[in-house]
Amino acid sequence: MPTVIEGIKFYTIPEVAEALNVTSQTIRAWIKKGKLKSQRIGRPILITETNLKEFLKESK
């Protein structure tokens, strides 16, 4: 389930990994390489729905 903050959906790395059928390490590698944008809010690294859609559009 995404976390909604001020109307923006945020997904955790494990949630995105499961949705894309890849490992969490793959998601972290994409973030580190700058392919997938993310934000750290407190301790967890979160990915907005907009950033996820942008990543998927670019990877086609």
PDB file of N, CA and C in Angstrom:
ATOM      1  N   MET A   1       0.843  -1.186   0.000  1.00  0.00           N
ATOM      2  CA  MET A   1       0.000   0.000   0.000  1.00  0.00           C
ATOM      3  C   MET A   1       0.881   1.240   0.000  1.00  0.00           C
ATOM      4  N   PRO A   2       0.620   2.160  -0.897  1.00  0.00           N
ATOM      5  CA  PRO A   2       1.412   3.386  -0.893  1.00  0.00           C
ATOM      6  C   PRO A   2       1.051   4.256   0.310  1.00  0.00           C
ATOM      7  N   THR A   3       2.012   5.060   0.720  1.00  0.00           N
ATOM      8  CA  THR A   3       1.782   6.053   1.756  1.00  0.00           C
ATOM      9  C   THR A   3       1.377   7.337   1.048  1.00  0.00           C
ATOM     10  N   VAL A   4       0.305   7.968   1.499  1.00  0.00           N
ATOM     11  CA  VAL A   4      -0.156   9.207   0.873  1.00  0.00           C
ATOM     12  C   VAL A   4       0.151  10.359   1.810  1.00  0.00           C
ATOM     13  N   ILE A   5       0.939  11.320   1.315  1.00  0.00           N
ATOM     14  CA  ILE A   5       1.293  12.511   2.077  1.00  0.00           C
ATOM     15  C   ILE A   5       0.886  13.714   1.234  1.00  0.00           C
ATOM     16  N   GLU A   6      -0.029  14.520   1.750  1.00  0.00           N
ATOM     17  CA  GLU A   6      -0.548  15.696   1.054  1.00  0.00           C
ATOM     18  C   GLU A   6      -0.986  15.369  -0.367  1.00  0.00           C
ATOM     19  N   GLY A   7      -1.650  14.249  -0.532  1.00  0.00           N
ATOM     20  CA  GLY A   7      -2.198  13.867  -1.824  1.00  0.00           C
ATOM     21  C   GLY A   7      -1.217  13.218  -2.783  1.00  0.00           C
ATOM     22  N   ILE A   8       0.034  13.028  -2.365  1.00  0.00           N
ATOM     23  CA  ILE A   8       1.055  12.412  -3.220  1.00  0.00           C
ATOM     24  C   ILE A   8       1.294  10.994  -2.731  1.00  0.00           C
ATOM     25  N   LYS A   9       1.255  10.033  -3.656  1.00  0.00           N
ATOM     26  CA  LYS A   9       1.493   8.634  -3.293  1.00  0.00           C
ATOM     27  C   LYS A   9       2.994   8.360  -3.286  1.00  0.00           C
ATOM     28  N   PHE A  10       3.458   7.769  -2.191  1.00  0.00           N
ATOM     29  CA  PHE A  10       4.858   7.384  -2.051  1.00  0.00           C
ATOM     30  C   PHE A  10       4.940   5.872  -1.877  1.00  0.00           C
ATOM     31  N   TYR A  11       5.888   5.251  -2.559  1.00  0.00           N
ATOM     32  CA  TYR A  11       6.099   3.809  -2.477  1.00  0.00           C
ATOM     33  C   TYR A  11       7.472   3.530  -1.887  1.00  0.00           C
ATOM     34  N   THR A  12       7.581   2.477  -1.102  1.00  0.00           N
ATOM     35  CA  THR A  12       8.869   2.057  -0.563  1.00  0.00           C
ATOM     36  C   THR A  12       9.616   1.251  -1.620  1.00  0.00           C
ATOM     37  N   ILE A  13      10.892   1.046  -1.400  1.00  0.00           N
ATOM     38  CA  ILE A  13      11.697   0.255  -2.329  1.00  0.00           C
ATOM     39  C   ILE A  13      11.143  -1.163  -2.472  1.00  0.00           C
ATOM     40  N   PRO A  14      10.809  -1.866  -1.388  1.00  0.00           N
ATOM     41  CA  PRO A  14      10.242  -3.210  -1.561  1.00  0.00           C
ATOM     42  C   PRO A  14       8.918  -3.231  -2.343  1.00  0.00           C
ATOM     43  N   GLU A  15       8.078  -2.217  -2.160  1.00  0.00           N
ATOM     44  CA  GLU A  15       6.819  -2.150  -2.906  1.00  0.00           C
ATOM     45  C   GLU A  15       7.073  -1.996  -4.406  1.00  0.00           C
ATOM     46  N   VAL A  16       8.009  -1.126  -4.765  1.00  0.00           N
ATOM     47  CA  VAL A  16       8.342  -0.915  -6.180  1.00  0.00           C
ATOM     48  C   VAL A  16       8.983  -2.169  -6.755  1.00  0.00           C
ATOM     49  N   ALA A  17       9.866  -2.796  -5.991  1.00  0.00           N
ATOM     50  CA  ALA A  17      10.527  -4.021  -6.453  1.00  0.00           C
ATOM     51  C   ALA A  17       9.501  -5.107  -6.746  1.00  0.00           C
ATOM     52  N   GLU A  18       8.538  -5.267  -5.865  1.00  0.00           N
ATOM     53  CA  GLU A  18       7.508  -6.283  -6.062  1.00  0.00           C
ATOM     54  C   GLU A  18       6.653  -5.964  -7.292  1.00  0.00           C
ATOM     55  N   ALA A  19       6.295  -4.695  -7.457  1.00  0.00           N
ATOM     56  CA  ALA A  19       5.454  -4.295  -8.589  1.00  0.00           C
ATOM     57  C   ALA A  19       6.166  -4.499  -9.924  1.00  0.00           C
ATOM     58  N   LEU A  20       7.490  -4.286  -9.945  1.00  0.00           N
ATOM     59  CA  LEU A  20       8.260  -4.417 -11.184  1.00  0.00           C
ATOM     60  C   LEU A  20       8.883  -5.803 -11.335  1.00  0.00           C
ATOM     61  N   ASN A  21       8.657  -6.655 -10.351  1.00  0.00           N
ATOM     62  CA  ASN A  21       9.171  -8.031 -10.362  1.00  0.00           C
ATOM     63  C   ASN A  21      10.701  -8.070 -10.462  1.00  0.00           C
ATOM     64  N   VAL A  22      11.349  -7.216  -9.671  1.00  0.00           N
ATOM     65  CA  VAL A  22      12.809  -7.200  -9.558  1.00  0.00           C
ATOM     66  C   VAL A  22      13.155  -7.195  -8.067  1.00  0.00           C
ATOM     67  N   THR A  23      14.430  -7.260  -7.748  1.00  0.00           N
ATOM     68  CA  THR A  23      14.841  -7.245  -6.342  1.00  0.00           C
ATOM     69  C   THR A  23      14.975  -5.812  -5.823  1.00  0.00           C
ATOM     70  N   SER A  24      14.972  -5.691  -4.506  1.00  0.00           N
ATOM     71  CA  SER A  24      15.186  -4.382  -3.883  1.00  0.00           C
ATOM     72  C   SER A  24      16.564  -3.832  -4.245  1.00  0.00           C
ATOM     73  N   GLN A  25      17.549  -4.727  -4.382  1.00  0.00           N
ATOM     74  CA  GLN A  25      18.888  -4.293  -4.752  1.00  0.00           C
ATOM     75  C   GLN A  25      18.905  -3.653  -6.138  1.00  0.00           C
ATOM     76  N   THR A  26      18.086  -4.171  -7.044  1.00  0.00           N
ATOM     77  CA  THR A  26      17.989  -3.589  -8.386  1.00  0.00           C
ATOM     78  C   THR A  26      17.421  -2.177  -8.305  1.00  0.00           C
ATOM     79  N   ILE A  27      16.390  -1.992  -7.514  1.00  0.00           N
ATOM     80  CA  ILE A  27      15.789  -0.662  -7.348  1.00  0.00           C
ATOM     81  C   ILE A  27      16.823   0.297  -6.765  1.00  0.00           C
ATOM     82  N   ARG A  28      17.561  -0.153  -5.748  1.00  0.00           N
ATOM     83  CA  ARG A  28      18.598   0.694  -5.140  1.00  0.00           C
ATOM     84  C   ARG A  28      19.683   1.053  -6.157  1.00  0.00           C
ATOM     85  N   ALA A  29      20.040   0.114  -7.027  1.00  0.00           N
ATOM     86  CA  ALA A  29      21.047   0.384  -8.063  1.00  0.00           C
ATOM     87  C   ALA A  29      20.537   1.434  -9.046  1.00  0.00           C
ATOM     88  N   TRP A  30      19.269   1.323  -9.446  1.00  0.00           N
ATOM     89  CA  TRP A  30      18.685   2.307 -10.356  1.00  0.00           C
ATOM     90  C   TRP A  30      18.661   3.690  -9.713  1.00  0.00           C
ATOM     91  N   ILE A  31      18.368   3.754  -8.415  1.00  0.00           N
ATOM     92  CA  ILE A  31      18.368   5.032  -7.697  1.00  0.00           C
ATOM     93  C   ILE A  31      19.785   5.600  -7.660  1.00  0.00           C
ATOM     94  N   LYS A  32      20.750   4.766  -7.332  1.00  0.00           N
ATOM     95  CA  LYS A  32      22.145   5.209  -7.239  1.00  0.00           C
ATOM     96  C   LYS A  32      22.666   5.721  -8.585  1.00  0.00           C
ATOM     97  N   LYS A  33      22.259   5.067  -9.682  1.00  0.00           N
ATOM     98  CA  LYS A  33      22.686   5.473 -11.025  1.00  0.00           C
ATOM     99  C   LYS A  33      21.929   6.698 -11.536  1.00  0.00           C
ATOM    100  N   GLY A  34      20.883   7.100 -10.810  1.00  0.00           N
ATOM    101  CA  GLY A  34      20.100   8.260 -11.217  1.00  0.00           C
ATOM    102  C   GLY A  34      18.991   7.933 -12.200  1.00  0.00           C
ATOM    103  N   LYS A  35      18.751   6.667 -12.458  1.00  0.00           N
ATOM    104  CA  LYS A  35      17.692   6.270 -13.382  1.00  0.00           C
ATOM    105  C   LYS A  35      16.308   6.456 -12.772  1.00  0.00           C
ATOM    106  N   LEU A  36      16.210   6.249 -11.468  1.00  0.00           N
ATOM    107  CA  LEU A  36      14.941   6.344 -10.750  1.00  0.00           C
ATOM    108  C   LEU A  36      15.106   7.356  -9.622  1.00  0.00           C
ATOM    109  N   LYS A  37      14.282   8.395  -9.647  1.00  0.00           N
ATOM    110  CA  LYS A  37      14.363   9.434  -8.613  1.00  0.00           C
ATOM    111  C   LYS A  37      13.654   8.988  -7.351  1.00  0.00           C
ATOM    112  N   SER A  38      14.211   9.397  -6.213  1.00  0.00           N
ATOM    113  CA  SER A  38      13.618   9.040  -4.925  1.00  0.00           C
ATOM    114  C   SER A  38      13.868  10.157  -3.926  1.00  0.00           C
ATOM    115  N   GLN A  39      13.171  10.091  -2.797  1.00  0.00           N
ATOM    116  CA  GLN A  39      13.346  11.043  -1.709  1.00  0.00           C
ATOM    117  C   GLN A  39      13.479  10.274  -0.413  1.00  0.00           C
ATOM    118  N   ARG A  40      14.325  10.776   0.453  1.00  0.00           N
ATOM    119  CA  ARG A  40      14.409  10.204   1.795  1.00  0.00           C
ATOM    120  C   ARG A  40      13.538  11.086   2.688  1.00  0.00           C
ATOM    121  N   ILE A  41      12.514  10.462   3.254  1.00  0.00           N
ATOM    122  CA  ILE A  41      11.627  11.168   4.180  1.00  0.00           C
ATOM    123  C   ILE A  41      11.765  10.447   5.511  1.00  0.00           C
ATOM    124  N   GLY A  42      12.500  11.071   6.412  1.00  0.00           N
ATOM    125  CA  GLY A  42      12.844  10.395   7.654  1.00  0.00           C
ATOM    126  C   GLY A  42      13.884   9.334   7.343  1.00  0.00           C
ATOM    127  N   ARG A  43      13.645   8.119   7.760  1.00  0.00           N
ATOM    128  CA  ARG A  43      14.585   7.026   7.509  1.00  0.00           C
ATOM    129  C   ARG A  43      14.389   6.348   6.155  1.00  0.00           C
ATOM    130  N   PRO A  44      13.135   6.042   5.758  1.00  0.00           N
ATOM    131  CA  PRO A  44      12.969   5.282   4.511  1.00  0.00           C
ATOM    132  C   PRO A  44      13.198   6.116   3.256  1.00  0.00           C
ATOM    133  N   ILE A  45      13.607   5.434   2.203  1.00  0.00           N
ATOM    134  CA  ILE A  45      13.715   6.042   0.884  1.00  0.00           C
ATOM    135  C   ILE A  45      12.393   5.763   0.181  1.00  0.00           C
ATOM    136  N   LEU A  46      11.760   6.826  -0.310  1.00  0.00           N
ATOM    137  CA  LEU A  46      10.452   6.688  -0.935  1.00  0.00           C
ATOM    138  C   LEU A  46      10.484   7.170  -2.382  1.00  0.00           C
ATOM    139  N   ILE A  47       9.634   6.577  -3.198  1.00  0.00           N
ATOM    140  CA  ILE A  47       9.552   6.908  -4.612  1.00  0.00           C
ATOM    141  C   ILE A  47       8.127   7.368  -4.886  1.00  0.00           C
ATOM    142  N   THR A  48       7.990   8.549  -5.478  1.00  0.00           N
ATOM    143  CA  THR A  48       6.647   9.056  -5.750  1.00  0.00           C
ATOM    144  C   THR A  48       6.053   8.339  -6.951  1.00  0.00           C
ATOM    145  N   GLU A  49       4.736   8.349  -7.008  1.00  0.00           N
ATOM    146  CA  GLU A  49       4.031   7.745  -8.133  1.00  0.00           C
ATOM    147  C   GLU A  49       4.457   8.419  -9.441  1.00  0.00           C
ATOM    148  N   THR A  50       4.638   9.738  -9.419  1.00  0.00           N
ATOM    149  CA  THR A  50       5.061  10.480 -10.603  1.00  0.00           C
ATOM    150  C   THR A  50       6.442  10.034 -11.060  1.00  0.00           C
ATOM    151  N   ASN A  51       7.383   9.898 -10.127  1.00  0.00           N
ATOM    152  CA  ASN A  51       8.731   9.458 -10.488  1.00  0.00           C
ATOM    153  C   ASN A  51       8.720   8.038 -11.036  1.00  0.00           C
ATOM    154  N   LEU A  52       7.884   7.191 -10.481  1.00  0.00           N
ATOM    155  CA  LEU A  52       7.788   5.817 -10.960  1.00  0.00           C
ATOM    156  C   LEU A  52       7.230   5.776 -12.382  1.00  0.00           C
ATOM    157  N   LYS A  53       6.174   6.542 -12.641  1.00  0.00           N
ATOM    158  CA  LYS A  53       5.595   6.594 -13.988  1.00  0.00           C
ATOM    159  C   LYS A  53       6.601   7.147 -14.996  1.00  0.00           C
ATOM    160  N   GLU A  54       7.353   8.172 -14.597  1.00  0.00           N
ATOM    161  CA  GLU A  54       8.376   8.755 -15.468  1.00  0.00           C
ATOM    162  C   GLU A  54       9.458   7.732 -15.797  1.00  0.00           C
ATOM    163  N   PHE A  55       9.887   6.975 -14.807  1.00  0.00           N
ATOM    164  CA  PHE A  55      10.893   5.946 -15.010  1.00  0.00           C
ATOM    165  C   PHE A  55      10.394   4.888 -15.985  1.00  0.00           C
ATOM    166  N   LEU A  56       9.150   4.447 -15.801  1.00  0.00           N
ATOM    167  CA  LEU A  56       8.580   3.424 -16.676  1.00  0.00           C
ATOM    168  C   LEU A  56       8.428   3.922 -18.106  1.00  0.00           C
ATOM    169  N   LYS A  57       8.073   5.180 -18.260  1.00  0.00           N
ATOM    170  CA  LYS A  57       7.916   5.771 -19.593  1.00  0.00           C
ATOM    171  C   LYS A  57       9.270   5.831 -20.308  1.00  0.00           C
ATOM    172  N   GLU A  58      10.321   6.219 -19.572  1.00  0.00           N
ATOM    173  CA  GLU A  58      11.649   6.342 -20.155  1.00  0.00           C
ATOM    174  C   GLU A  58      12.277   4.988 -20.476  1.00  0.00           C
ATOM    175  N   SER A  59      11.890   3.959 -19.746  1.00  0.00           N
ATOM    176  CA  SER A  59      12.521   2.658 -19.939  1.00  0.00           C
ATOM    177  C   SER A  59      11.900   1.846 -21.076  1.00  0.00           C
ATOM    178  N   LYS A  60      10.879   2.375 -21.726  1.00  0.00           N
ATOM    179  CA  LYS A  60      10.241   1.669 -22.850  1.00  0.00           C
ATOM    180  C   LYS A  60      11.060   1.801 -24.099  1.00  0.00           C
TER     181      LYS A  60
END
